Protein backbone atom coordinates (compact mmCIF):
# COMPACT_ATOMS: atom_id res chain seq x y z
CA MET A 1 30.35 41.85 94.91
CA THR A 2 28.62 41.41 91.56
CA GLU A 3 25.64 39.78 93.27
CA TYR A 4 25.43 42.72 95.70
CA LYS A 5 25.37 45.24 92.84
CA GLN A 6 22.64 43.30 91.08
CA CYS A 7 20.53 43.20 94.25
CA SER A 8 21.10 46.92 94.84
CA TYR A 9 20.11 47.72 91.25
CA SER A 10 16.97 45.56 91.52
CA LEU A 11 16.01 47.27 94.78
CA ARG A 12 16.42 50.79 93.33
CA LYS A 13 14.43 49.76 90.27
CA ALA A 14 11.63 48.33 92.44
CA ILE A 15 11.53 51.51 94.56
CA LYS A 16 11.28 53.73 91.45
CA GLN A 17 8.54 51.54 90.04
CA ALA A 18 6.61 51.63 93.34
CA LYS A 19 6.91 55.44 93.49
CA ARG A 20 5.72 55.73 89.88
CA GLN A 21 2.73 53.48 90.59
CA TYR A 22 1.86 55.49 93.71
CA ARG A 23 2.14 58.75 91.77
CA ASP A 24 -0.13 57.42 89.02
CA LYS A 25 -2.63 56.24 91.64
CA VAL A 26 -2.72 59.64 93.35
CA GLU A 27 -2.92 61.57 90.06
CA SER A 28 -5.82 59.41 88.93
CA GLN A 29 -7.82 60.79 91.86
CA PHE A 30 -7.56 64.27 90.34
CA ASN A 31 -9.64 63.13 87.39
CA GLY A 32 -13.35 63.12 88.06
CA SER A 33 -15.41 64.44 90.93
CA ASP A 34 -14.50 66.99 93.58
CA THR A 35 -14.68 64.19 96.14
CA ARG A 36 -11.90 62.24 94.41
CA LEU A 37 -9.86 65.46 94.11
CA TRP A 38 -10.16 66.07 97.85
CA GLN A 39 -9.20 62.47 98.57
CA GLY A 40 -6.11 62.93 96.43
CA LEU A 41 -5.10 66.08 98.29
CA GLN A 42 -5.63 64.33 101.61
CA SER A 43 -3.39 61.50 100.49
CA ILE A 44 -0.59 63.81 99.31
CA THR A 45 -0.61 66.09 102.36
CA ASP A 46 -1.28 63.36 104.94
CA TYR A 47 -4.24 65.45 106.10
CA LYS A 48 -6.01 64.12 109.15
CA LYS A 49 -9.38 65.28 110.36
CA LYS A 50 -9.52 66.99 113.72
CA THR A 51 -10.78 64.82 116.50
CA SER A 52 -13.31 65.77 119.14
CA PRO A 53 -12.17 68.98 120.90
CA VAL A 54 -12.06 67.38 124.33
CA GLY A 55 -12.59 64.05 125.97
CA ASP A 56 -15.73 62.91 127.69
CA HIS A 57 -14.22 63.65 131.10
CA ASP A 58 -15.16 67.35 130.98
CA VAL A 59 -18.89 67.00 131.57
CA LEU A 60 -19.35 70.74 132.24
CA LEU A 61 -17.89 71.93 128.93
CA PRO A 62 -21.07 71.43 126.83
CA ASP A 63 -23.09 73.74 129.10
CA LYS A 64 -20.28 76.31 129.19
CA LEU A 65 -20.05 76.30 125.41
CA ASN A 66 -23.82 76.45 124.94
CA ASN A 67 -24.04 79.52 127.18
CA PHE A 68 -21.08 81.07 125.36
CA PHE A 69 -22.53 80.48 121.90
CA ALA A 70 -25.84 81.96 123.12
CA ARG A 71 -24.22 85.02 124.73
CA PHE A 72 -25.96 87.42 122.33
CA GLU A 73 -29.38 86.14 123.31
CA ASP A 74 -31.92 88.88 124.02
CA ASN A 75 -34.89 87.52 125.90
CA THR A 76 -36.72 90.84 125.58
CA VAL A 77 -37.39 90.25 121.87
CA PRO A 78 -41.18 90.01 121.30
CA PRO A 79 -41.85 86.35 120.42
CA THR A 80 -45.12 86.95 118.55
CA ARG A 81 -46.88 89.46 116.32
CA PRO A 82 -50.54 90.14 115.62
CA ALA A 83 -52.21 87.42 113.57
CA THR A 84 -52.75 88.10 109.87
CA LYS A 85 -54.62 86.40 107.09
CA THR A 86 -53.44 82.96 106.03
CA CYS A 87 -50.22 82.86 104.02
CA GLY A 88 -50.99 82.38 100.33
CA LEU A 89 -47.73 80.56 99.61
CA THR A 90 -48.09 76.83 98.94
CA PHE A 91 -45.87 74.15 97.45
CA THR A 92 -46.72 71.15 95.31
CA ALA A 93 -45.53 67.58 95.80
CA ALA A 94 -43.46 68.03 92.64
CA ASN A 95 -41.65 71.01 94.23
CA VAL A 96 -40.89 69.05 97.38
CA SER A 97 -39.83 65.90 95.52
CA LYS A 98 -37.43 67.88 93.33
CA THR A 99 -35.88 69.49 96.41
CA PHE A 100 -35.49 66.14 98.17
CA LYS A 101 -33.72 64.72 95.11
CA CYS A 102 -31.12 67.50 95.33
CA VAL A 103 -30.13 66.64 98.92
CA ASN A 104 -26.47 65.78 99.42
CA PRO A 105 -26.56 62.22 100.82
CA ARG A 106 -23.16 62.67 102.46
CA LYS A 107 -24.30 65.46 104.78
CA ALA A 108 -24.77 64.60 108.45
CA ALA A 109 -28.29 64.11 109.78
CA GLY A 110 -29.78 66.65 112.15
CA PRO A 111 -31.23 66.14 115.65
CA ASP A 112 -34.18 64.22 114.17
CA GLY A 113 -31.77 61.54 112.91
CA ILE A 114 -33.24 61.49 109.39
CA PRO A 115 -30.35 61.25 106.90
CA GLY A 116 -30.37 62.99 103.55
CA ARG A 117 -29.92 59.74 101.65
CA VAL A 118 -33.37 58.58 102.82
CA LEU A 119 -35.05 61.73 101.51
CA ARG A 120 -33.18 61.45 98.24
CA ALA A 121 -33.85 57.74 97.71
CA TRP A 122 -37.56 57.95 98.59
CA ALA A 123 -38.28 61.49 97.40
CA ASP A 124 -41.42 60.66 95.42
CA GLN A 125 -42.90 58.52 98.20
CA LEU A 126 -42.22 61.07 100.97
CA ALA A 127 -43.04 64.23 99.02
CA GLY A 128 -46.82 64.04 99.52
CA VAL A 129 -46.63 63.76 103.31
CA PHE A 130 -44.13 66.56 103.74
CA THR A 131 -45.94 68.79 101.24
CA ASP A 132 -48.96 68.72 103.57
CA ILE A 133 -46.73 69.48 106.58
CA PHE A 134 -44.96 72.36 104.83
CA ASN A 135 -48.20 73.93 103.60
CA GLN A 136 -49.82 73.62 107.03
CA SER A 137 -46.77 75.30 108.55
CA LEU A 138 -47.07 78.20 106.10
CA SER A 139 -50.84 78.58 106.53
CA GLN A 140 -50.47 78.74 110.33
CA SER A 141 -47.27 80.84 110.24
CA ALA A 142 -45.71 78.32 112.61
CA VAL A 143 -42.68 76.04 112.30
CA PRO A 144 -42.76 72.72 114.19
CA THR A 145 -40.33 72.79 117.10
CA CYS A 146 -38.72 69.53 115.96
CA PHE A 147 -37.69 71.32 112.74
CA LYS A 148 -36.06 74.16 114.71
CA ARG A 149 -33.82 72.05 116.94
CA ALA A 150 -30.07 72.39 116.52
CA THR A 151 -27.19 70.33 117.88
CA ILE A 152 -23.92 72.25 118.01
CA VAL A 153 -20.67 70.32 117.59
CA PRO A 154 -17.75 72.57 118.62
CA VAL A 155 -14.71 72.42 116.35
CA PRO A 156 -11.33 73.81 117.51
CA LYS A 157 -10.07 76.92 115.71
CA LYS A 158 -6.47 76.22 116.74
CA ALA A 159 -4.28 73.31 117.77
CA LYS A 160 -4.54 74.02 121.49
CA GLU A 161 -7.70 75.47 123.01
CA THR A 162 -7.36 77.74 126.04
CA GLU A 163 -10.71 79.53 126.11
CA LEU A 164 -14.28 79.11 124.90
CA ASN A 165 -13.71 81.46 121.97
CA ASP A 166 -11.23 78.93 120.56
CA TYR A 167 -14.16 76.77 119.41
CA ARG A 168 -16.21 77.31 116.28
CA PRO A 169 -19.86 76.21 116.49
CA VAL A 170 -20.91 73.81 113.73
CA ALA A 171 -24.67 73.28 113.77
CA LEU A 172 -26.47 70.10 112.81
CA THR A 173 -30.05 70.95 111.84
CA SER A 174 -32.88 68.98 110.30
CA VAL A 175 -32.26 68.04 106.66
CA ILE A 176 -36.02 68.17 106.12
CA MET A 177 -36.12 71.74 107.41
CA LYS A 178 -33.26 72.71 105.13
CA CYS A 179 -35.31 71.47 102.17
CA PHE A 180 -38.27 73.50 103.44
CA GLU A 181 -36.05 76.57 103.83
CA ARG A 182 -34.73 76.15 100.29
CA LEU A 183 -38.27 76.27 98.91
CA VAL A 184 -39.07 79.39 100.95
CA LYS A 185 -35.76 81.00 99.97
CA ASP A 186 -36.45 80.49 96.27
CA HIS A 187 -39.87 82.11 96.69
CA ILE A 188 -38.51 85.12 98.60
CA THR A 189 -35.72 85.61 96.07
CA SER A 190 -38.21 85.58 93.20
CA ILE A 191 -40.33 88.41 94.63
CA LEU A 192 -37.63 90.76 95.89
CA PRO A 193 -37.74 94.23 94.30
CA ASP A 194 -35.11 95.34 91.81
CA THR A 195 -34.35 98.32 94.07
CA LEU A 196 -32.30 96.23 96.52
CA ASP A 197 -28.85 97.60 97.33
CA PRO A 198 -26.76 96.93 94.18
CA LEU A 199 -23.57 97.04 96.27
CA GLN A 200 -24.42 93.86 98.20
CA PHE A 201 -22.57 91.15 96.29
CA ALA A 202 -23.37 88.11 98.43
CA TYR A 203 -26.30 85.72 97.94
CA ARG A 204 -27.22 87.34 94.63
CA PRO A 205 -27.20 85.53 91.27
CA ASN A 206 -24.17 86.08 89.05
CA ARG A 207 -22.23 87.96 91.74
CA SER A 208 -19.10 87.07 93.68
CA THR A 209 -16.30 88.40 95.85
CA ASP A 210 -14.39 89.22 92.65
CA ASP A 211 -17.18 91.60 91.65
CA ALA A 212 -17.07 93.32 95.06
CA ILE A 213 -13.28 93.77 94.86
CA THR A 214 -13.44 94.95 91.24
CA ILE A 215 -16.10 97.60 91.89
CA THR A 216 -14.20 98.81 94.97
CA TRP A 217 -10.97 99.37 93.09
CA HIS A 218 -12.70 100.70 89.97
CA THR A 219 -14.49 103.29 92.11
CA ALA A 220 -11.25 104.28 93.82
CA LEU A 221 -8.98 104.38 90.77
CA THR A 222 -11.50 106.30 88.66
CA HIS A 223 -11.59 108.97 91.35
CA LEU A 224 -7.79 109.04 91.72
CA ASP A 225 -7.45 109.97 88.03
CA LYS A 226 -8.77 113.42 88.96
CA ARG A 227 -6.65 116.29 90.33
CA ASN A 228 -6.05 116.74 94.06
CA THR A 229 -7.89 113.60 95.13
CA TYR A 230 -7.38 110.62 97.40
CA VAL A 231 -9.44 107.77 98.79
CA ARG A 232 -10.11 106.55 102.33
CA MET A 233 -11.35 102.98 102.79
CA LEU A 234 -12.71 101.71 106.08
CA PHE A 235 -12.86 97.91 106.31
CA ILE A 236 -15.56 97.08 108.84
CA ASP A 237 -15.52 93.99 111.03
CA TYR A 238 -18.64 93.11 113.02
CA SER A 239 -18.74 91.10 116.22
CA SER A 240 -20.80 87.98 115.40
CA ALA A 241 -23.03 89.89 113.00
CA PHE A 242 -25.37 86.99 112.20
CA ASN A 243 -25.90 86.12 115.86
CA THR A 244 -27.08 89.59 116.86
CA ILE A 245 -29.94 90.03 114.39
CA VAL A 246 -33.17 90.94 116.17
CA PRO A 247 -35.98 88.95 114.47
CA SER A 248 -38.68 91.53 115.24
CA LYS A 249 -36.67 94.22 113.43
CA LEU A 250 -35.94 91.87 110.55
CA VAL A 251 -39.58 91.07 109.80
CA ILE A 252 -40.44 94.78 109.74
CA LYS A 253 -37.81 95.22 107.04
CA LEU A 254 -39.15 92.20 105.17
CA GLU A 255 -42.61 93.78 105.09
CA THR A 256 -41.16 96.99 103.65
CA LEU A 257 -39.65 94.86 100.88
CA GLY A 258 -43.10 93.58 99.96
CA LEU A 259 -43.21 90.17 101.64
CA ASP A 260 -46.59 88.79 102.68
CA PRO A 261 -47.19 89.69 106.38
CA ALA A 262 -48.20 86.07 107.05
CA LEU A 263 -44.90 84.87 105.57
CA CYS A 264 -43.10 87.44 107.73
CA ASN A 265 -44.82 85.91 110.76
CA TRP A 266 -43.61 82.49 109.59
CA VAL A 267 -40.04 83.83 109.40
CA LEU A 268 -40.41 85.27 112.91
CA ASP A 269 -41.57 81.92 114.24
CA PHE A 270 -38.71 80.20 112.42
CA LEU A 271 -36.19 82.48 114.14
CA THR A 272 -37.62 82.31 117.66
CA GLY A 273 -38.16 79.55 120.18
CA ARG A 274 -35.24 77.50 118.80
CA PRO A 275 -33.96 74.73 121.12
CA GLN A 276 -30.19 74.38 121.01
CA VAL A 277 -27.82 71.90 122.66
CA VAL A 278 -24.06 71.40 122.45
CA ARG A 279 -22.62 67.92 122.09
CA VAL A 280 -19.06 67.09 123.11
CA GLY A 281 -18.31 63.41 122.79
CA ASN A 282 -21.07 61.58 124.65
CA ASN A 283 -21.97 64.61 126.77
CA ILE A 284 -24.89 66.85 125.81
CA SER A 285 -25.70 70.22 127.36
CA THR A 286 -28.96 71.38 128.84
CA PRO A 287 -31.13 72.85 126.03
CA LEU A 288 -31.33 76.62 125.63
CA ILE A 289 -34.17 78.40 123.81
CA LEU A 290 -32.87 81.04 121.40
CA ASN A 291 -34.78 84.06 120.13
CA THR A 292 -31.97 86.11 118.56
CA GLY A 293 -30.15 85.67 115.28
CA PRO A 294 -30.78 83.10 112.55
CA PRO A 295 -29.92 79.42 113.10
CA GLN A 296 -26.30 78.48 112.51
CA GLY A 297 -25.81 76.84 109.12
CA SER A 298 -29.40 77.21 107.96
CA VAL A 299 -30.28 77.79 104.31
CA LEU A 300 -32.26 80.97 104.93
CA SER A 301 -29.76 82.68 107.25
CA PRO A 302 -27.47 84.26 104.61
CA LEU A 303 -30.40 85.66 102.63
CA LEU A 304 -32.10 87.00 105.76
CA TYR A 305 -28.89 88.72 106.83
CA SER A 306 -28.48 90.43 103.45
CA LEU A 307 -32.09 91.65 103.63
CA PHE A 308 -31.57 92.84 107.20
CA THR A 309 -28.67 95.02 106.05
CA HIS A 310 -30.14 96.17 102.72
CA ASP A 311 -30.83 99.65 104.15
CA CYS A 312 -27.21 100.15 105.20
CA VAL A 313 -26.31 102.41 102.28
CA ALA A 314 -24.30 105.59 101.78
CA LYS A 315 -26.25 108.84 101.85
CA HIS A 316 -23.66 111.00 100.08
CA ALA A 317 -22.60 110.65 96.44
CA SER A 318 -18.89 110.68 97.34
CA ASN A 319 -19.27 107.65 99.63
CA SER A 320 -20.00 104.00 98.86
CA ILE A 321 -20.76 101.12 101.21
CA ILE A 322 -19.75 97.90 99.45
CA LYS A 323 -20.81 94.62 101.06
CA PHE A 324 -20.23 90.93 100.68
CA ALA A 325 -22.33 89.29 103.40
CA ASP A 326 -21.03 90.85 106.63
CA ASP A 327 -17.76 92.06 105.06
CA THR A 328 -18.35 95.79 104.68
CA THR A 329 -16.15 98.50 103.18
CA VAL A 330 -16.82 102.24 103.35
CA VAL A 331 -15.17 103.99 100.40
CA GLY A 332 -14.78 107.76 100.74
CA LEU A 333 -13.79 109.74 97.63
CA ILE A 334 -11.99 112.84 98.88
CA THR A 335 -11.48 115.97 96.75
CA ASN A 336 -9.51 119.09 97.78
CA ASN A 337 -8.94 117.60 101.27
CA ASP A 338 -12.63 117.95 102.13
CA GLU A 339 -13.42 114.88 104.26
CA THR A 340 -16.72 116.15 105.64
CA ALA A 341 -18.89 113.66 103.74
CA TYR A 342 -16.60 110.74 104.64
CA TRP A 343 -16.65 111.51 108.35
CA GLU A 344 -20.40 111.95 108.25
CA GLY A 345 -20.74 108.61 106.46
CA VAL A 346 -18.68 106.84 109.12
CA ARG A 347 -20.73 108.46 111.87
CA ALA A 348 -24.00 107.47 110.14
CA LEU A 349 -22.80 103.87 109.87
CA GLY A 350 -22.13 103.83 113.61
CA VAL A 351 -25.65 105.10 114.28
CA TRP A 352 -27.13 102.48 111.95
CA CYS A 353 -25.24 99.74 113.79
CA GLN A 354 -26.60 100.91 117.14
CA GLU A 355 -30.16 101.04 115.82
CA ASN A 356 -29.85 97.54 114.37
CA ASN A 357 -28.12 95.83 117.30
CA LEU A 358 -24.84 95.26 115.42
CA SER A 359 -21.52 95.79 117.20
CA LEU A 360 -18.32 96.86 115.47
CA ASN A 361 -15.19 94.89 116.30
CA ILE A 362 -12.94 97.93 116.39
CA ASN A 363 -9.76 95.92 116.99
CA LYS A 364 -10.27 94.16 113.65
CA THR A 365 -11.64 97.19 111.79
CA LYS A 366 -8.91 98.76 109.63
CA GLU A 367 -8.52 101.81 107.39
CA MET A 368 -6.44 102.21 104.24
CA ILE A 369 -5.69 105.56 102.61
CA VAL A 370 -4.76 105.66 98.92
CA ASP A 371 -3.07 108.97 98.11
CA PHE A 372 -0.89 109.27 94.99
CA ARG A 373 -0.16 112.98 95.38
CA LYS A 374 3.53 113.90 95.49
CA GLN A 375 3.30 115.99 98.65
CA GLU A 376 2.76 113.75 101.66
CA ARG A 377 0.07 114.83 104.10
CA GLU A 378 -0.99 113.64 107.52
CA HIS A 379 -4.50 112.23 107.60
CA PRO A 380 -6.32 112.26 110.93
CA HIS A 381 -7.11 108.90 112.53
CA ILE A 382 -10.67 107.67 112.82
CA HIS A 383 -11.95 107.12 116.35
CA ILE A 384 -14.87 104.79 117.01
CA ASP A 385 -16.24 104.63 120.55
CA GLY A 386 -13.05 106.26 121.79
CA THR A 387 -10.76 103.71 120.11
CA VAL A 388 -8.35 104.60 117.31
CA VAL A 389 -8.85 102.61 114.10
CA GLU A 390 -5.55 101.19 112.87
CA LYS A 391 -4.28 102.32 109.47
CA VAL A 392 -2.89 99.68 107.12
CA GLU A 393 -1.07 99.81 103.79
CA ASN A 394 -2.37 96.58 102.26
């Protein structure tokens, strides 16, 4: 019996020691880089990456998904514009080399198969060649087709997929082109006028979602301090906002913001004539040529979207349209039950969406009314395209 107790004690002691060693090993991963932190979280939660959405047996799925992801395609979009003088924007080998050295070597390669680690390791040697290619592209306002190719890898949104909408498109694009885009993006950002919509909080330096939320509630609460007031907030949800941008309308807006017409033509060429395939396992779809919306996952896409929507602003002083990327909130400051300006603002937003090829997802669009007055009042529902917008409390 004594021997049994000693063995049992030794076993419990060994188990405690093993647990303590494992804990120390996991906690050590929380010290250092974000990569080690993520590895530690994966170890604790037993997180496993999702596998391929389907097996190779469904050879028709890639084509079905490609057509579904390209469902907003508008083949009537003019693919070209009148030629202009040569674009004056050029980059130096030092610019290109610096950009190559900032590439994340862990990112997947695009359709061209060139990994980021190659560009990063041989940045100085490759910079001269690609500087010439980039500058030629700008001078001719044309992007090489090989730079515009995209391979879409569908990732499941839920555990069990029952329809095409259950897959999220993840695009693999050329790492070289992303470096090129980053250089162009930095140039565009540097020349944008100070008059851009101050209520767009995405893709702007020193701004965040916290700023958007803070200004929304500050605007509302400041108004609610006054007598006989309340606030109506309409939280807009768009249907695939990025995918429905019409490039020809975008470049017109870019010109009004002061961009070189030749650079605008380059942007138009970048957005049109884009070959796209979907890869599921070893099966690859037939290529589709896209002329609508910016490329999925590209560096320029977020900036271009914010510039496309910069003219979506409130016309009345009692309304505000606060944006973070495609998340849009209409804030109506109501006094003495006069909602005329608010209703007109909602109507004007609907007209703007129609003119700019954006569709409201009314089922996901919600309204919240903040009314601290003692006497409760019924507030009429908003109707958009004949559908009632749901009211929420939080």
